[in-house]
N, C-alpha and C. Protein backbone atom coordinates (compact mmCIF):
# COMPACT_ATOMS: atom_id res chain seq x y z
N MET A 1 9.45 -64.77 21.33
CA MET A 1 8.97 -63.64 20.57
C MET A 1 10.15 -62.74 20.19
N GLU A 2 10.28 -62.49 18.91
CA GLU A 2 11.30 -61.56 18.45
C GLU A 2 10.65 -60.18 18.32
N THR A 3 11.22 -59.21 18.99
CA THR A 3 10.66 -57.87 19.00
C THR A 3 10.85 -57.20 17.65
N PRO A 4 9.77 -56.65 17.07
CA PRO A 4 9.88 -55.96 15.78
C PRO A 4 10.81 -54.75 15.89
N SER A 5 11.56 -54.49 14.83
CA SER A 5 12.51 -53.38 14.87
C SER A 5 12.00 -52.13 14.18
N ASN A 6 10.84 -52.24 13.50
CA ASN A 6 10.26 -51.05 12.89
C ASN A 6 8.75 -51.23 12.75
N PHE A 7 8.08 -50.16 12.38
CA PHE A 7 6.63 -50.15 12.29
C PHE A 7 6.12 -51.19 11.30
N ASN A 8 6.70 -51.23 10.12
CA ASN A 8 6.22 -52.16 9.08
C ASN A 8 6.35 -53.62 9.51
N GLN A 9 7.43 -53.94 10.15
CA GLN A 9 7.63 -55.30 10.63
C GLN A 9 6.59 -55.66 11.69
N LEU A 10 6.30 -54.72 12.58
CA LEU A 10 5.30 -54.93 13.62
C LEU A 10 3.93 -55.19 12.99
N ILE A 11 3.55 -54.38 12.02
CA ILE A 11 2.24 -54.52 11.38
C ILE A 11 2.17 -55.83 10.59
N GLU A 12 3.24 -56.19 9.90
CA GLU A 12 3.26 -57.46 9.16
C GLU A 12 3.05 -58.63 10.11
N GLU A 13 3.72 -58.59 11.25
CA GLU A 13 3.58 -59.68 12.23
C GLU A 13 2.16 -59.72 12.79
N ALA A 14 1.62 -58.56 13.11
CA ALA A 14 0.25 -58.50 13.64
C ALA A 14 -0.76 -59.01 12.62
N ASN A 15 -0.61 -58.60 11.38
CA ASN A 15 -1.52 -59.08 10.33
C ASN A 15 -1.33 -60.57 10.07
N GLY A 16 -0.09 -61.02 10.09
CA GLY A 16 0.20 -62.43 9.86
C GLY A 16 -0.45 -63.34 10.89
N LEU A 17 -0.55 -62.86 12.11
CA LEU A 17 -1.18 -63.64 13.19
C LEU A 17 -2.66 -63.28 13.38
N HIS A 18 -3.17 -62.43 12.50
CA HIS A 18 -4.56 -61.95 12.57
C HIS A 18 -4.86 -61.28 13.91
N LEU A 19 -3.90 -60.47 14.36
CA LEU A 19 -4.04 -59.80 15.66
C LEU A 19 -4.03 -58.27 15.53
N TYR A 20 -4.13 -57.76 14.31
CA TYR A 20 -4.10 -56.30 14.14
C TYR A 20 -5.25 -55.63 14.87
N LYS A 21 -6.46 -56.19 14.75
CA LYS A 21 -7.62 -55.61 15.45
C LYS A 21 -7.43 -55.65 16.96
N SER A 22 -6.83 -56.71 17.44
CA SER A 22 -6.56 -56.80 18.88
C SER A 22 -5.56 -55.73 19.32
N LEU A 23 -4.60 -55.44 18.48
CA LEU A 23 -3.63 -54.39 18.76
C LEU A 23 -4.33 -53.03 18.86
N VAL A 24 -5.23 -52.77 17.93
CA VAL A 24 -5.98 -51.51 17.95
C VAL A 24 -6.87 -51.44 19.19
N LYS A 25 -7.51 -52.54 19.55
CA LYS A 25 -8.36 -52.57 20.76
C LYS A 25 -7.52 -52.28 22.01
N GLN A 26 -6.33 -52.87 22.07
CA GLN A 26 -5.44 -52.65 23.22
C GLN A 26 -5.03 -51.19 23.31
N LEU A 27 -4.71 -50.59 22.18
CA LEU A 27 -4.37 -49.16 22.16
C LEU A 27 -5.54 -48.33 22.68
N ASN A 28 -6.74 -48.62 22.19
CA ASN A 28 -7.93 -47.88 22.62
C ASN A 28 -8.15 -48.04 24.12
N LYS A 29 -7.98 -49.25 24.61
CA LYS A 29 -8.18 -49.53 26.04
C LYS A 29 -7.22 -48.71 26.90
N ASP A 30 -5.94 -48.71 26.54
CA ASP A 30 -4.96 -48.00 27.35
C ASP A 30 -5.10 -46.48 27.22
N PHE A 31 -5.46 -45.99 26.05
CA PHE A 31 -5.70 -44.56 25.92
C PHE A 31 -6.91 -44.14 26.76
N LEU A 32 -7.92 -44.99 26.82
CA LEU A 32 -9.08 -44.70 27.65
C LEU A 32 -8.69 -44.67 29.12
N TYR A 33 -7.88 -45.65 29.56
CA TYR A 33 -7.40 -45.66 30.94
C TYR A 33 -6.61 -44.41 31.28
N ALA A 34 -5.86 -43.90 30.30
CA ALA A 34 -5.05 -42.70 30.51
C ALA A 34 -5.87 -41.42 30.38
N ASN A 35 -7.16 -41.59 30.11
CA ASN A 35 -8.08 -40.46 29.98
C ASN A 35 -7.67 -39.52 28.83
N ILE A 36 -7.23 -40.12 27.73
CA ILE A 36 -6.86 -39.37 26.54
C ILE A 36 -7.91 -39.65 25.47
N ASP A 37 -8.47 -38.59 24.96
CA ASP A 37 -9.58 -38.70 24.02
C ASP A 37 -9.06 -39.07 22.62
N LEU A 38 -8.88 -40.35 22.42
CA LEU A 38 -8.46 -40.86 21.13
C LEU A 38 -9.02 -42.26 20.99
N ASP A 39 -9.79 -42.48 19.96
CA ASP A 39 -10.40 -43.78 19.75
C ASP A 39 -10.20 -44.19 18.29
N PHE A 40 -9.36 -45.19 18.08
CA PHE A 40 -9.09 -45.67 16.74
C PHE A 40 -10.20 -46.61 16.31
N ALA A 41 -10.66 -46.48 15.07
CA ALA A 41 -11.60 -47.45 14.52
C ALA A 41 -10.87 -48.78 14.36
N GLU A 42 -11.59 -49.88 14.60
CA GLU A 42 -10.94 -51.19 14.53
C GLU A 42 -10.39 -51.51 13.14
N ASP A 43 -10.99 -50.92 12.11
CA ASP A 43 -10.54 -51.20 10.75
C ASP A 43 -9.64 -50.09 10.18
N ILE A 44 -9.03 -49.32 11.07
CA ILE A 44 -8.13 -48.23 10.64
C ILE A 44 -6.95 -48.81 9.88
N LEU A 45 -6.57 -48.13 8.82
CA LEU A 45 -5.40 -48.55 8.05
C LEU A 45 -4.13 -48.32 8.89
N PRO A 46 -3.16 -49.20 8.78
CA PRO A 46 -1.92 -49.04 9.56
C PRO A 46 -1.25 -47.69 9.37
N ALA A 47 -1.24 -47.17 8.15
CA ALA A 47 -0.61 -45.85 7.90
C ALA A 47 -1.35 -44.76 8.67
N SER A 48 -2.67 -44.83 8.69
CA SER A 48 -3.47 -43.84 9.43
C SER A 48 -3.26 -43.97 10.93
N LEU A 49 -3.16 -45.21 11.39
CA LEU A 49 -2.89 -45.45 12.81
C LEU A 49 -1.57 -44.80 13.21
N LYS A 50 -0.56 -45.02 12.40
CA LYS A 50 0.77 -44.47 12.69
C LYS A 50 0.72 -42.94 12.74
N ILE A 51 0.05 -42.32 11.77
CA ILE A 51 -0.03 -40.86 11.72
C ILE A 51 -0.80 -40.31 12.91
N MET A 52 -1.96 -40.89 13.21
CA MET A 52 -2.77 -40.39 14.34
C MET A 52 -2.04 -40.55 15.67
N LEU A 53 -1.39 -41.69 15.85
CA LEU A 53 -0.66 -41.92 17.09
C LEU A 53 0.50 -40.93 17.21
N HIS A 54 1.23 -40.74 16.13
CA HIS A 54 2.35 -39.80 16.13
C HIS A 54 1.87 -38.39 16.45
N GLU A 55 0.80 -37.93 15.81
CA GLU A 55 0.26 -36.59 16.07
C GLU A 55 -0.17 -36.43 17.53
N THR A 56 -0.81 -37.46 18.05
CA THR A 56 -1.30 -37.40 19.43
C THR A 56 -0.14 -37.34 20.42
N VAL A 57 0.86 -38.18 20.22
CA VAL A 57 2.03 -38.17 21.10
C VAL A 57 2.74 -36.81 21.02
N TYR A 58 2.87 -36.28 19.82
CA TYR A 58 3.51 -34.98 19.64
C TYR A 58 2.76 -33.89 20.42
N LYS A 59 1.44 -33.87 20.29
CA LYS A 59 0.64 -32.87 21.01
C LYS A 59 0.75 -33.04 22.52
N LEU A 60 0.76 -34.29 22.97
CA LEU A 60 0.90 -34.54 24.41
C LEU A 60 2.24 -34.04 24.93
N ILE A 61 3.30 -34.29 24.19
CA ILE A 61 4.63 -33.82 24.62
C ILE A 61 4.65 -32.29 24.67
N GLN A 62 4.08 -31.66 23.66
CA GLN A 62 4.11 -30.20 23.55
C GLN A 62 3.17 -29.50 24.55
N GLU A 63 1.96 -30.06 24.73
CA GLU A 63 0.92 -29.33 25.45
C GLU A 63 0.49 -29.95 26.77
N LYS A 64 0.61 -31.25 26.92
CA LYS A 64 0.11 -31.93 28.11
C LYS A 64 1.12 -32.97 28.58
N PHE A 65 2.24 -32.50 29.05
CA PHE A 65 3.35 -33.40 29.38
C PHE A 65 2.99 -34.38 30.50
N ALA A 66 2.22 -33.95 31.48
CA ALA A 66 1.83 -34.84 32.59
C ALA A 66 0.97 -35.99 32.06
N GLU A 67 0.06 -35.69 31.13
CA GLU A 67 -0.77 -36.73 30.53
C GLU A 67 0.08 -37.69 29.69
N TYR A 68 1.09 -37.14 29.02
CA TYR A 68 2.03 -37.95 28.23
C TYR A 68 2.74 -38.95 29.14
N LEU A 69 3.26 -38.48 30.27
CA LEU A 69 3.95 -39.36 31.21
C LEU A 69 3.00 -40.41 31.77
N ASN A 70 1.77 -40.01 32.06
CA ASN A 70 0.77 -40.94 32.57
C ASN A 70 0.48 -42.04 31.54
N LEU A 71 0.37 -41.65 30.27
CA LEU A 71 0.13 -42.62 29.20
C LEU A 71 1.27 -43.64 29.13
N LEU A 72 2.50 -43.15 29.18
CA LEU A 72 3.65 -44.06 29.15
C LEU A 72 3.63 -45.02 30.33
N TYR A 73 3.21 -44.53 31.48
CA TYR A 73 3.12 -45.36 32.68
C TYR A 73 2.05 -46.43 32.52
N ILE A 74 0.88 -46.02 32.04
CA ILE A 74 -0.23 -46.96 31.88
C ILE A 74 0.09 -48.04 30.85
N ILE A 75 0.70 -47.63 29.75
CA ILE A 75 1.06 -48.60 28.71
C ILE A 75 2.25 -49.44 29.16
N ASP A 76 3.03 -48.92 30.07
CA ASP A 76 4.20 -49.61 30.62
C ASP A 76 5.36 -49.62 29.61
N VAL A 77 5.58 -48.46 29.00
CA VAL A 77 6.73 -48.31 28.11
C VAL A 77 7.98 -48.24 28.97
N SER A 78 9.01 -48.93 28.54
CA SER A 78 10.25 -49.00 29.30
C SER A 78 10.85 -47.61 29.52
N GLU A 79 11.05 -47.27 30.78
CA GLU A 79 11.68 -46.00 31.13
C GLU A 79 13.09 -45.93 30.57
N GLU A 80 13.77 -47.05 30.59
CA GLU A 80 15.13 -47.12 30.06
C GLU A 80 15.15 -46.80 28.56
N ALA A 81 14.17 -47.34 27.83
CA ALA A 81 14.10 -47.07 26.39
C ALA A 81 13.81 -45.60 26.11
N ILE A 82 12.96 -45.00 26.93
CA ILE A 82 12.63 -43.58 26.77
C ILE A 82 13.86 -42.72 27.03
N LYS A 83 14.61 -43.07 28.06
CA LYS A 83 15.81 -42.29 28.41
C LYS A 83 16.89 -42.35 27.34
N LYS A 84 16.89 -43.41 26.55
CA LYS A 84 17.89 -43.56 25.49
C LYS A 84 17.61 -42.67 24.29
N LEU A 85 16.38 -42.16 24.18
CA LEU A 85 16.01 -41.35 23.02
C LEU A 85 16.58 -39.94 23.11
N ASP A 86 16.86 -39.37 21.95
CA ASP A 86 17.35 -37.99 21.87
C ASP A 86 16.15 -37.05 21.87
N GLY A 87 16.05 -36.21 22.86
CA GLY A 87 14.90 -35.32 23.00
C GLY A 87 15.08 -33.96 22.36
N SER A 88 16.13 -33.77 21.58
CA SER A 88 16.38 -32.44 21.01
C SER A 88 15.40 -32.09 19.89
N ASP A 89 14.87 -33.08 19.20
CA ASP A 89 13.90 -32.84 18.14
C ASP A 89 12.58 -33.49 18.54
N THR A 90 11.61 -32.68 18.92
CA THR A 90 10.35 -33.19 19.45
C THR A 90 9.60 -34.02 18.42
N LEU A 91 9.67 -33.63 17.16
CA LEU A 91 8.98 -34.39 16.11
C LEU A 91 9.57 -35.79 15.98
N GLN A 92 10.88 -35.89 15.98
CA GLN A 92 11.54 -37.19 15.90
C GLN A 92 11.29 -38.00 17.18
N LEU A 93 11.34 -37.34 18.32
CA LEU A 93 11.09 -38.00 19.60
C LEU A 93 9.69 -38.60 19.62
N SER A 94 8.70 -37.83 19.18
CA SER A 94 7.33 -38.33 19.21
C SER A 94 7.16 -39.52 18.27
N ASP A 95 7.87 -39.54 17.16
CA ASP A 95 7.82 -40.68 16.25
C ASP A 95 8.41 -41.93 16.92
N GLU A 96 9.53 -41.77 17.58
CA GLU A 96 10.18 -42.90 18.25
C GLU A 96 9.36 -43.40 19.44
N VAL A 97 8.76 -42.48 20.18
CA VAL A 97 7.92 -42.87 21.31
C VAL A 97 6.67 -43.59 20.81
N SER A 98 6.12 -43.13 19.70
CA SER A 98 4.95 -43.80 19.12
C SER A 98 5.27 -45.26 18.80
N PHE A 99 6.46 -45.49 18.25
CA PHE A 99 6.84 -46.87 17.96
C PHE A 99 7.02 -47.68 19.24
N LEU A 100 7.61 -47.07 20.27
CA LEU A 100 7.77 -47.78 21.55
C LEU A 100 6.40 -48.14 22.14
N ILE A 101 5.44 -47.24 22.00
CA ILE A 101 4.08 -47.50 22.48
C ILE A 101 3.49 -48.68 21.71
N LEU A 102 3.58 -48.63 20.40
CA LEU A 102 3.04 -49.73 19.59
C LEU A 102 3.74 -51.05 19.90
N LYS A 103 5.04 -50.99 20.08
CA LYS A 103 5.80 -52.20 20.37
C LYS A 103 5.36 -52.82 21.70
N ARG A 104 5.16 -51.98 22.71
CA ARG A 104 4.72 -52.50 24.02
C ARG A 104 3.31 -53.05 23.95
N GLU A 105 2.44 -52.37 23.23
CA GLU A 105 1.07 -52.85 23.08
C GLU A 105 1.07 -54.18 22.32
N TRP A 106 1.94 -54.29 21.32
CA TRP A 106 2.04 -55.53 20.56
C TRP A 106 2.50 -56.67 21.47
N GLN A 107 3.43 -56.40 22.37
CA GLN A 107 3.88 -57.43 23.30
C GLN A 107 2.71 -57.94 24.15
N LYS A 108 1.90 -57.02 24.63
CA LYS A 108 0.74 -57.41 25.45
C LYS A 108 -0.21 -58.31 24.66
N VAL A 109 -0.52 -57.89 23.44
CA VAL A 109 -1.45 -58.65 22.60
C VAL A 109 -0.87 -60.02 22.25
N TRP A 110 0.41 -60.05 21.89
CA TRP A 110 1.06 -61.30 21.51
C TRP A 110 1.08 -62.30 22.68
N PHE A 111 1.47 -61.82 23.86
CA PHE A 111 1.53 -62.70 25.02
C PHE A 111 0.13 -63.21 25.40
N ARG A 112 -0.86 -62.34 25.33
CA ARG A 112 -2.22 -62.76 25.65
C ARG A 112 -2.67 -63.84 24.66
N HIS A 113 -2.37 -63.66 23.38
CA HIS A 113 -2.73 -64.63 22.36
C HIS A 113 -1.97 -65.95 22.56
N LYS A 114 -0.71 -65.85 22.84
CA LYS A 114 0.15 -67.03 22.96
C LYS A 114 -0.21 -67.89 24.18
N TYR A 115 -0.54 -67.25 25.29
CA TYR A 115 -0.69 -67.97 26.55
C TYR A 115 -2.13 -68.05 27.07
N SER A 116 -3.11 -67.79 26.20
CA SER A 116 -4.50 -67.92 26.69
C SER A 116 -5.21 -69.02 25.96
């Protein structure tokens, strides 16, 4: 598996393998486990998904940091990758974290599809 380097590449790969809905389901599942009130419709457009995820991560960083950390733990986002990010601009940070979340969720979906 080659890890996508940007949002568009990730979505193209998910659509190409007909796994976009599975990606959205995985996001919903992990957000529910983290007790964060966010439920994406299965047919959400990728652009809307990106915006909603970015806004949610931004609000969590700003207002509910403990819940943000819990979400990263539940999704299993690499701590090393998070530490490499520049935290001086919260808006940019939340965008980069959103991509890391999507990338990790995509790995889960891809591996489940590949090995089941």
